[in-house]
Amino acid sequence: MQKKLNIIPKLKIRKGDLVQVMAGDSKGKQGKITEVILKTNRAIVEGANMVSKHTKPSATNPNGGIVKKEASIHVSNLMVIDAKTGKPSRVGKKKNAEGKSVRITKKSGEEIKL
C-alpha cells in the first residue's frame, strides 16, 4: 500500500485577484478573492456561491437566525479577469525587466497587479 504524501500545489490565483466563476450555480459572477485555502485547492470569492447558515443565539448574535455567507469554490472553476480586455484569461509567468518572475494574463500579456 502506498503512503499518501501531503503535497500542497502552487496555485495561480492569489488573495485580492479579480476573478470570474466559470462553473456551478454562480457561473458568470465576478468578484475579488477574499481567502485562498491551499490545503483543499479552494478560494472564497466576494458575492459568489452564497449559502444560508443557521446560527444559534449567542452573545455576539442574540437573536440567532439565518445568515447568508460565501462558501468556497474550487480554483479550477475560477479564471482571472484580464485588466486590458475585461475578459477571463489563463495565468502564466514571465521574467520582467529586473529579472523578477511576474504573473501575466495569457490573453493580452499584461502583468497582473493586485
Protein backbone atom coordinates (compact mmCIF):
# COMPACT_ATOMS: atom_id res chain seq x y z
CA MET A 1 0.00 0.00 0.00
CA GLN A 2 1.34 3.43 -0.94
CA LYS A 3 1.78 6.19 1.61
CA LYS A 4 -0.16 9.37 0.82
CA LEU A 5 2.05 12.45 0.52
CA ASN A 6 0.89 15.82 1.81
CA ILE A 7 1.86 17.87 -1.23
CA ILE A 8 0.33 21.34 -1.48
CA PRO A 9 0.42 22.59 -5.10
CA LYS A 10 1.21 26.20 -6.01
CA LEU A 11 -1.91 27.97 -7.22
CA LYS A 12 -2.05 30.57 -9.98
CA ILE A 13 -4.58 32.76 -8.16
CA ARG A 14 -3.96 34.90 -5.10
CA LYS A 15 -5.91 36.83 -2.49
CA GLY A 16 -7.06 40.13 -4.00
CA ASP A 17 -7.31 38.91 -7.62
CA LEU A 18 -10.42 39.81 -9.62
CA VAL A 19 -11.86 36.51 -10.88
CA GLN A 20 -14.88 35.14 -12.73
CA VAL A 21 -16.69 31.93 -11.79
CA MET A 22 -16.71 29.58 -14.80
CA ALA A 23 -18.90 26.73 -13.50
CA GLY A 24 -21.57 26.00 -10.91
CA ASP A 25 -24.59 27.93 -9.61
CA SER A 26 -22.63 31.21 -9.53
CA LYS A 27 -21.42 30.86 -13.14
CA GLY A 28 -20.62 34.25 -14.70
CA LYS A 29 -20.31 36.16 -11.41
CA GLN A 30 -17.21 38.27 -10.84
CA GLY A 31 -15.60 39.23 -7.55
CA LYS A 32 -12.41 39.60 -5.58
CA ILE A 33 -10.81 36.67 -3.80
CA THR A 34 -11.00 37.21 -0.04
CA GLU A 35 -9.32 33.97 1.03
CA VAL A 36 -7.37 31.10 -0.57
CA ILE A 37 -7.39 27.67 1.12
CA LEU A 38 -4.25 25.90 -0.14
CA LYS A 39 -4.91 22.56 1.58
CA THR A 40 -8.15 21.94 -0.35
CA ASN A 41 -7.41 23.99 -3.55
CA ARG A 42 -10.39 26.25 -2.88
CA ALA A 43 -11.00 30.00 -2.69
CA ILE A 44 -13.69 32.30 -1.30
CA VAL A 45 -14.97 34.91 -3.79
CA GLU A 46 -16.93 38.03 -2.77
CA GLY A 47 -20.62 37.70 -3.68
CA ALA A 48 -20.33 34.24 -5.26
CA ASN A 49 -21.55 30.82 -4.02
CA MET A 50 -23.77 32.27 -1.28
CA VAL A 51 -25.11 29.79 1.27
CA SER A 52 -27.53 30.10 4.20
CA LYS A 53 -26.02 29.28 7.57
CA HIS A 54 -28.29 28.72 10.58
CA THR A 55 -26.86 30.28 13.74
CA LYS A 56 -27.82 29.74 17.37
CA PRO A 57 -28.36 32.76 19.61
CA SER A 58 -25.08 33.88 21.23
CA ALA A 59 -23.53 36.93 22.88
CA THR A 60 -22.48 38.38 19.51
CA ASN A 61 -25.76 37.49 17.77
CA PRO A 62 -28.51 37.49 20.46
CA ASN A 63 -31.37 36.64 18.07
CA GLY A 64 -29.63 33.91 16.05
CA GLY A 65 -31.31 33.10 12.74
CA ILE A 66 -30.21 32.55 9.16
CA VAL A 67 -27.06 34.28 7.90
CA LYS A 68 -26.06 34.47 4.22
CA LYS A 69 -22.33 33.99 3.61
CA GLU A 70 -19.90 32.99 0.86
CA ALA A 71 -18.79 29.37 0.59
CA SER A 72 -15.56 28.23 -1.02
CA ILE A 73 -15.23 27.39 -4.73
CA HIS A 74 -12.64 25.06 -6.27
CA VAL A 75 -9.89 27.02 -8.05
CA SER A 76 -10.42 25.04 -11.28
CA ASN A 77 -13.77 26.85 -11.60
CA LEU A 78 -12.18 30.33 -11.41
CA MET A 79 -10.41 32.44 -14.04
CA VAL A 80 -8.53 35.71 -13.53
CA ILE A 81 -10.03 38.78 -15.28
CA ASP A 82 -7.66 40.44 -17.78
CA ALA A 83 -7.31 44.15 -16.88
CA LYS A 84 -6.89 45.21 -20.53
CA THR A 85 -9.77 43.30 -22.16
CA GLY A 86 -12.03 42.71 -19.13
CA LYS A 87 -12.47 39.05 -20.11
CA PRO A 88 -11.39 35.87 -18.28
CA SER A 89 -7.88 34.70 -19.07
CA ARG A 90 -5.43 31.98 -18.09
CA VAL A 91 -2.40 32.88 -16.00
CA GLY A 92 1.24 32.47 -17.00
CA LYS A 93 4.65 33.53 -15.69
CA LYS A 94 7.29 35.70 -17.30
CA LYS A 95 10.51 37.43 -16.28
CA ASN A 96 10.24 41.25 -16.19
CA ALA A 97 12.97 43.83 -16.95
CA GLU A 98 14.57 43.39 -13.49
CA GLY A 99 14.70 39.60 -13.95
CA LYS A 100 11.92 39.02 -11.41
CA SER A 101 9.23 36.41 -12.16
CA VAL A 102 5.76 38.00 -12.53
CA ARG A 103 2.29 36.65 -13.28
CA ILE A 104 0.79 37.63 -16.66
CA THR A 105 -2.54 37.06 -18.42
CA LYS A 106 -2.25 34.84 -21.48
CA LYS A 107 -4.85 36.85 -23.47
CA SER A 108 -3.04 40.20 -23.56
CA GLY A 109 0.31 39.51 -21.90
CA GLU A 110 -0.37 42.21 -19.28
CA GLU A 111 1.14 41.88 -15.81
CA ILE A 112 -1.36 41.02 -13.06
CA LYS A 113 -1.30 43.68 -10.37
CA LEU A 114 -3.05 43.31 -7.02
